[in-house]
N, C-alpha and C. Protein backbone atom coordinates (compact mmCIF):
# COMPACT_ATOMS: atom_id res chain seq x y z
N UNK A 1 27.48 41.68 -44.26
CA UNK A 1 26.97 41.00 -42.91
C UNK A 1 28.07 40.71 -43.06
N UNK A 2 28.58 40.77 -41.82
CA UNK A 2 29.76 40.23 -40.77
C UNK A 2 30.44 38.88 -41.01
N UNK A 3 31.81 39.00 -40.98
CA UNK A 3 32.19 37.57 -41.18
C UNK A 3 31.73 36.41 -40.00
N UNK A 4 31.21 35.76 -40.12
CA UNK A 4 31.26 34.38 -38.84
C UNK A 4 32.37 34.84 -37.40
N UNK A 5 31.25 35.05 -36.86
CA UNK A 5 32.57 35.30 -35.23
C UNK A 5 32.69 36.94 -35.39
N UNK A 6 32.90 37.49 -36.22
CA UNK A 6 33.46 39.32 -36.16
C UNK A 6 31.33 40.08 -36.18
N UNK A 7 31.63 40.49 -34.74
CA UNK A 7 30.50 41.50 -35.12
C UNK A 7 30.88 43.19 -35.05
N UNK A 8 30.98 44.32 -35.60
CA UNK A 8 31.57 45.46 -35.34
C UNK A 8 30.88 46.14 -34.57
N UNK A 9 32.04 47.09 -34.23
CA UNK A 9 31.84 48.41 -33.15
C UNK A 9 30.18 49.13 -33.75
N UNK A 10 31.28 49.89 -35.08
CA UNK A 10 30.57 51.51 -35.50
C UNK A 10 31.26 50.60 -36.91
N UNK A 11 30.39 51.46 -37.84
CA UNK A 11 30.44 50.85 -39.66
C UNK A 11 31.24 52.45 -39.93
N UNK A 12 31.50 52.86 -41.39
CA UNK A 12 32.32 54.61 -41.81
C UNK A 12 30.90 54.96 -42.19
N UNK A 13 29.69 54.39 -41.88
CA UNK A 13 29.44 55.16 -41.88
C UNK A 13 27.99 55.52 -40.52
N UNK A 14 28.35 55.27 -39.98
CA UNK A 14 28.78 55.57 -38.16
C UNK A 14 28.99 55.99 -37.49
N UNK A 15 30.52 56.42 -37.84
CA UNK A 15 31.70 57.01 -37.19
C UNK A 15 32.49 56.91 -37.77
N UNK A 16 33.23 58.75 -37.97
CA UNK A 16 33.70 59.31 -38.48
C UNK A 16 35.36 59.47 -38.26
N UNK A 17 36.51 58.53 -39.48
CA UNK A 17 37.50 58.62 -39.04
C UNK A 17 38.73 59.58 -38.23
N UNK A 18 38.08 60.53 -37.54
CA UNK A 18 38.62 61.01 -36.80
C UNK A 18 38.47 60.30 -35.25
N UNK A 19 37.64 58.87 -35.48
CA UNK A 19 37.72 58.98 -34.06
C UNK A 19 38.46 58.08 -33.35
N UNK A 20 39.32 57.55 -34.79
CA UNK A 20 40.35 56.56 -34.33
C UNK A 20 40.97 57.18 -34.72
N UNK A 21 42.71 56.40 -34.68
CA UNK A 21 44.41 56.55 -34.43
C UNK A 21 44.80 56.37 -35.75
N UNK A 22 43.83 55.58 -36.91
CA UNK A 22 44.47 55.51 -37.88
C UNK A 22 43.62 54.88 -38.28
N UNK A 23 43.97 54.39 -40.00
CA UNK A 23 43.42 53.78 -40.92
C UNK A 23 43.62 52.55 -41.58
N UNK A 24 43.15 50.90 -41.33
CA UNK A 24 43.59 49.70 -42.07
C UNK A 24 42.90 49.88 -42.99
N UNK A 25 43.28 50.28 -45.13
CA UNK A 25 42.41 49.12 -45.58
C UNK A 25 42.99 48.04 -46.06
N UNK A 26 42.56 47.55 -45.89
CA UNK A 26 42.96 45.43 -46.37
C UNK A 26 42.38 45.48 -47.73
N UNK A 27 43.50 44.65 -47.95
CA UNK A 27 43.56 43.74 -49.84
C UNK A 27 41.96 43.20 -49.48
N UNK A 28 42.15 42.62 -50.68
CA UNK A 28 40.84 42.19 -51.68
C UNK A 28 41.06 42.50 -52.98
N UNK A 29 40.17 42.36 -53.83
CA UNK A 29 39.75 42.67 -54.99
C UNK A 29 38.53 42.92 -54.83
N UNK A 30 37.52 42.27 -54.99
CA UNK A 30 35.89 42.55 -54.68
C UNK A 30 35.96 43.91 -53.68
N UNK A 31 36.52 43.58 -52.31
CA UNK A 31 36.08 44.60 -51.40
C UNK A 31 36.77 45.72 -51.61
N UNK A 32 38.21 45.80 -52.30
CA UNK A 32 39.00 47.20 -52.83
C UNK A 32 37.92 48.12 -53.70
N UNK A 33 37.22 46.92 -54.82
CA UNK A 33 36.76 47.69 -55.96
C UNK A 33 35.23 48.65 -55.39
N UNK A 34 34.77 47.40 -54.40
CA UNK A 34 33.90 48.80 -53.38
C UNK A 34 34.02 49.85 -52.94
N UNK A 35 34.99 49.76 -51.88
CA UNK A 35 34.99 50.61 -51.14
C UNK A 35 35.39 51.46 -51.90
N UNK A 36 36.63 51.79 -53.19
CA UNK A 36 36.84 52.67 -54.42
C UNK A 36 35.35 53.27 -55.12
N UNK A 37 34.90 52.60 -54.92
CA UNK A 37 33.50 53.02 -55.24
C UNK A 37 32.24 54.31 -54.96
N UNK A 38 32.82 53.31 -53.56
CA UNK A 38 32.31 54.16 -52.06
C UNK A 38 32.43 55.38 -51.47
N UNK A 39 31.56 56.93 -51.55
CA UNK A 39 31.61 57.67 -51.73
C UNK A 39 32.27 57.99 -49.94
N UNK A 40 31.48 57.54 -49.35
CA UNK A 40 31.96 57.15 -47.65
C UNK A 40 32.88 57.14 -48.05
N UNK A 41 33.22 55.04 -48.30
CA UNK A 41 34.88 55.23 -47.64
C UNK A 41 35.39 55.82 -48.13
N UNK A 42 35.76 57.10 -49.59
CA UNK A 42 36.48 57.80 -50.06
C UNK A 42 36.94 58.85 -48.71
N UNK A 43 35.25 59.33 -48.91
CA UNK A 43 35.92 60.86 -47.96
C UNK A 43 36.08 60.05 -46.69
N UNK A 44 36.05 58.98 -46.22
CA UNK A 44 36.53 57.99 -44.90
C UNK A 44 38.21 58.89 -44.86
N UNK A 45 38.57 58.03 -45.78
CA UNK A 45 40.37 57.84 -46.46
C UNK A 45 41.15 59.30 -46.06
N UNK A 46 39.81 60.10 -47.00
CA UNK A 46 40.47 61.31 -47.14
C UNK A 46 39.94 62.02 -45.47
N UNK A 47 39.21 62.56 -44.93
CA UNK A 47 39.10 62.68 -43.75
C UNK A 47 40.29 62.52 -42.85
N UNK A 48 40.39 60.94 -42.33
CA UNK A 48 42.30 60.70 -41.69
C UNK A 48 43.38 61.39 -42.41
N UNK A 49 43.16 61.73 -43.68
CA UNK A 49 44.44 61.98 -44.20
C UNK A 49 44.23 63.29 -43.51
N UNK A 50 43.08 63.86 -43.60
CA UNK A 50 43.37 65.54 -43.64
C UNK A 50 43.41 65.93 -41.12
N UNK A 51 43.48 65.03 -41.14
CA UNK A 51 42.92 64.44 -39.48
C UNK A 51 44.49 64.36 -38.86
N UNK A 52 45.19 64.28 -40.02
CA UNK A 52 46.69 63.33 -39.79
C UNK A 52 46.94 62.34 -38.92
N UNK A 53 46.08 61.30 -39.40
CA UNK A 53 46.32 59.62 -38.66
C UNK A 53 47.11 58.92 -39.90
N UNK A 54 47.85 57.69 -39.00
CA UNK A 54 47.73 56.90 -39.97
C UNK A 54 47.38 56.29 -40.88
N UNK A 55 47.86 56.32 -42.34
CA UNK A 55 47.17 55.38 -42.66
C UNK A 55 47.60 54.42 -43.19
N UNK A 56 46.96 53.24 -44.03
CA UNK A 56 47.74 51.34 -44.42
C UNK A 56 46.65 50.93 -45.40
N UNK A 57 48.28 50.65 -46.58
CA UNK A 57 46.54 49.82 -47.19
C UNK A 57 47.20 48.75 -48.51
N UNK A 58 47.01 48.19 -47.70
CA UNK A 58 47.53 46.24 -48.29
C UNK A 58 46.92 45.76 -49.24
N UNK A 59 48.03 46.07 -49.99
CA UNK A 59 47.45 44.62 -51.46
C UNK A 59 46.83 45.59 -52.48
N UNK A 60 45.16 45.30 -53.26
CA UNK A 60 44.40 46.18 -53.42
C UNK A 60 44.18 46.95 -52.35
N UNK A 61 43.88 46.87 -51.20
CA UNK A 61 43.06 48.05 -51.21
C UNK A 61 44.35 49.47 -50.68
N UNK A 62 45.39 49.86 -51.85
CA UNK A 62 45.27 50.66 -52.27
C UNK A 62 44.57 51.76 -52.79
N UNK A 63 44.34 50.65 -54.18
CA UNK A 63 42.87 50.88 -55.20
C UNK A 63 42.05 52.29 -54.64
N UNK A 64 42.22 51.89 -53.10
CA UNK A 64 40.49 53.11 -52.86
C UNK A 64 41.44 54.01 -51.85
N UNK A 65 43.00 54.52 -51.48
CA UNK A 65 43.56 55.81 -52.01
C UNK A 65 44.15 56.33 -52.79
N UNK A 66 44.84 55.22 -53.82
CA UNK A 66 44.13 56.11 -55.11
C UNK A 66 42.60 56.61 -55.63
N UNK A 67 41.36 56.39 -55.47
CA UNK A 67 40.66 56.13 -55.93
C UNK A 67 39.85 57.55 -55.43
N UNK A 68 40.92 58.26 -54.40
CA UNK A 68 39.51 58.95 -52.64
C UNK A 68 40.94 60.17 -53.56
N UNK A 69 42.41 60.09 -54.34
CA UNK A 69 43.14 60.82 -54.36
C UNK A 69 44.03 61.48 -53.99
N UNK A 70 44.41 60.15 -52.47
CA UNK A 70 45.84 60.18 -52.45
C UNK A 70 47.00 60.34 -51.97
N UNK A 71 47.76 61.07 -52.22
CA UNK A 71 49.33 60.26 -51.94
C UNK A 71 49.66 59.60 -51.63
N UNK A 72 50.23 59.11 -52.92
CA UNK A 72 49.67 57.29 -52.24
C UNK A 72 51.78 57.65 -51.85
N UNK A 73 52.48 57.36 -50.63
CA UNK A 73 53.54 56.92 -50.95
C UNK A 73 54.16 58.29 -49.08
N UNK A 74 52.70 59.18 -49.39
CA UNK A 74 52.90 60.53 -48.12
C UNK A 74 53.18 59.97 -47.19
N UNK A 75 54.05 61.09 -46.42
CA UNK A 75 54.10 60.58 -45.30
C UNK A 75 53.19 60.68 -44.15
N UNK A 76 53.84 59.32 -43.91
CA UNK A 76 52.58 58.19 -42.66
C UNK A 76 51.25 57.71 -43.36
N UNK A 77 51.38 57.33 -44.66
CA UNK A 77 50.86 56.84 -45.53
C UNK A 77 51.44 55.34 -46.00
N UNK A 78 51.54 54.42 -45.37
CA UNK A 78 52.22 52.63 -45.91
C UNK A 78 51.56 52.15 -46.47
N UNK A 79 51.83 51.60 -47.67
CA UNK A 79 51.27 50.72 -48.80
C UNK A 79 52.13 49.56 -48.95
N UNK A 80 51.52 48.16 -49.25
CA UNK A 80 52.34 47.23 -49.58
C UNK A 80 51.56 46.34 -49.58
N UNK A 81 52.43 45.46 -50.46
CA UNK A 81 51.51 43.90 -50.55
C UNK A 81 52.42 42.91 -49.28
N UNK A 82 53.33 42.98 -48.55
CA UNK A 82 53.91 42.55 -47.59
C UNK A 82 52.70 43.09 -46.53
N UNK A 83 52.32 42.19 -45.75
CA UNK A 83 52.12 42.63 -44.29
C UNK A 83 52.51 42.73 -43.44
N UNK A 84 52.82 41.63 -43.61
CA UNK A 84 54.62 42.35 -41.73
C UNK A 84 55.02 43.68 -41.80
N UNK A 85 55.87 44.25 -43.04
CA UNK A 85 56.47 45.16 -43.94
C UNK A 85 55.48 46.23 -43.40
N UNK A 86 53.91 46.57 -43.90
CA UNK A 86 53.03 47.86 -44.21
C UNK A 86 52.69 47.89 -42.46
N UNK A 87 52.72 47.19 -41.92
CA UNK A 87 52.19 47.03 -40.69
C UNK A 87 53.07 47.67 -39.99
N UNK A 88 54.11 47.31 -40.34
CA UNK A 88 55.19 47.56 -39.42
C UNK A 88 55.22 48.91 -39.19
N UNK A 89 55.47 49.95 -40.25
CA UNK A 89 55.67 51.18 -40.90
C UNK A 89 54.33 51.60 -40.67
N UNK A 90 52.88 51.30 -40.52
CA UNK A 90 51.43 51.93 -39.82
C UNK A 90 51.85 51.58 -38.09
N UNK A 91 52.51 50.84 -37.10
CA UNK A 91 52.70 50.99 -36.50
C UNK A 91 53.43 51.72 -35.70
N UNK A 92 54.52 52.36 -36.68
CA UNK A 92 55.46 53.10 -36.10
C UNK A 92 55.16 54.92 -36.20
N UNK A 93 54.38 54.18 -37.55
CA UNK A 93 53.57 55.66 -37.61
C UNK A 93 52.75 56.10 -36.09
N UNK A 94 52.20 54.97 -36.06
CA UNK A 94 50.80 55.28 -35.02
C UNK A 94 51.42 55.50 -33.39
N UNK A 95 52.56 55.60 -33.69
CA UNK A 95 53.78 55.80 -32.48
C UNK A 95 53.47 57.34 -31.56
N UNK A 96 53.87 57.68 -32.96
CA UNK A 96 53.88 59.63 -33.28
C UNK A 96 53.07 60.21 -33.01
N UNK A 97 51.32 59.51 -32.88
CA UNK A 97 49.92 60.24 -32.24
C UNK A 97 49.27 60.62 -34.01
N UNK A 98 50.05 61.35 -35.09
CA UNK A 98 49.80 62.59 -35.51
C UNK A 98 50.98 62.41 -36.57
N UNK A 99 51.13 63.04 -38.26
CA UNK A 99 51.59 62.39 -39.34
C UNK A 99 51.87 64.00 -38.65
N UNK A 100 52.58 65.36 -38.71
CA UNK A 100 52.55 66.09 -38.56
C UNK A 100 53.21 66.74 -39.65
N UNK A 101 54.63 66.31 -40.05
CA UNK A 101 55.05 66.68 -41.62
C UNK A 101 54.10 66.80 -42.23
N UNK A 102 52.66 66.21 -42.70
CA UNK A 102 51.65 66.41 -43.79
C UNK A 102 50.68 67.64 -43.34
N UNK A 103 50.78 68.55 -42.02
CA UNK A 103 49.81 69.72 -41.75
C UNK A 103 49.51 70.17 -42.77
N UNK A 104 50.40 70.80 -43.32
CA UNK A 104 50.13 71.85 -44.59
C UNK A 104 49.35 71.60 -45.89
N UNK A 105 50.15 70.41 -46.79
CA UNK A 105 49.58 69.12 -47.62
C UNK A 105 47.39 69.02 -47.16
N UNK A 106 47.68 68.66 -45.62
CA UNK A 106 46.22 68.28 -45.49
C UNK A 106 45.68 69.23 -45.15
N UNK A 107 45.15 70.76 -45.78
CA UNK A 107 45.17 71.73 -45.60
C UNK A 107 44.57 71.45 -47.32
N UNK A 108 44.65 71.52 -47.67
CA UNK A 108 44.25 71.27 -48.96
C UNK A 108 43.23 70.13 -49.64
N UNK A 109 42.73 69.74 -48.66
CA UNK A 109 42.16 67.88 -48.92
C UNK A 109 40.69 68.28 -48.58
N UNK A 110 39.38 68.05 -49.71
CA UNK A 110 38.10 68.22 -48.85
C UNK A 110 37.25 67.14 -48.85
N UNK A 111 38.22 67.45 -47.49
CA UNK A 111 37.15 66.25 -46.28
C UNK A 111 36.55 66.30 -45.03
């Protein structure tokens, strides 16, 4: 159930990550655990990686990337507990539209 006052436009089940310019996985231990165990969530971030999208994981959100077997610290993948720093890197990557430097590596991603 969405938080009070927040109405989602779509979910990971109804709209693929390729419809977005980037993906941010927010922190929170319980959320990270649930997403890490969700094949749909793992596929969502793998698909974003494969389509050369900017990806950020804040705090515990990094666990979702690890569960998806994404290379943490790879080009266009911003991680860390400092929200400002992670988002600054993420926004910089978003301004490039795609992360072309990982195109060859992305071809091996099963998504």
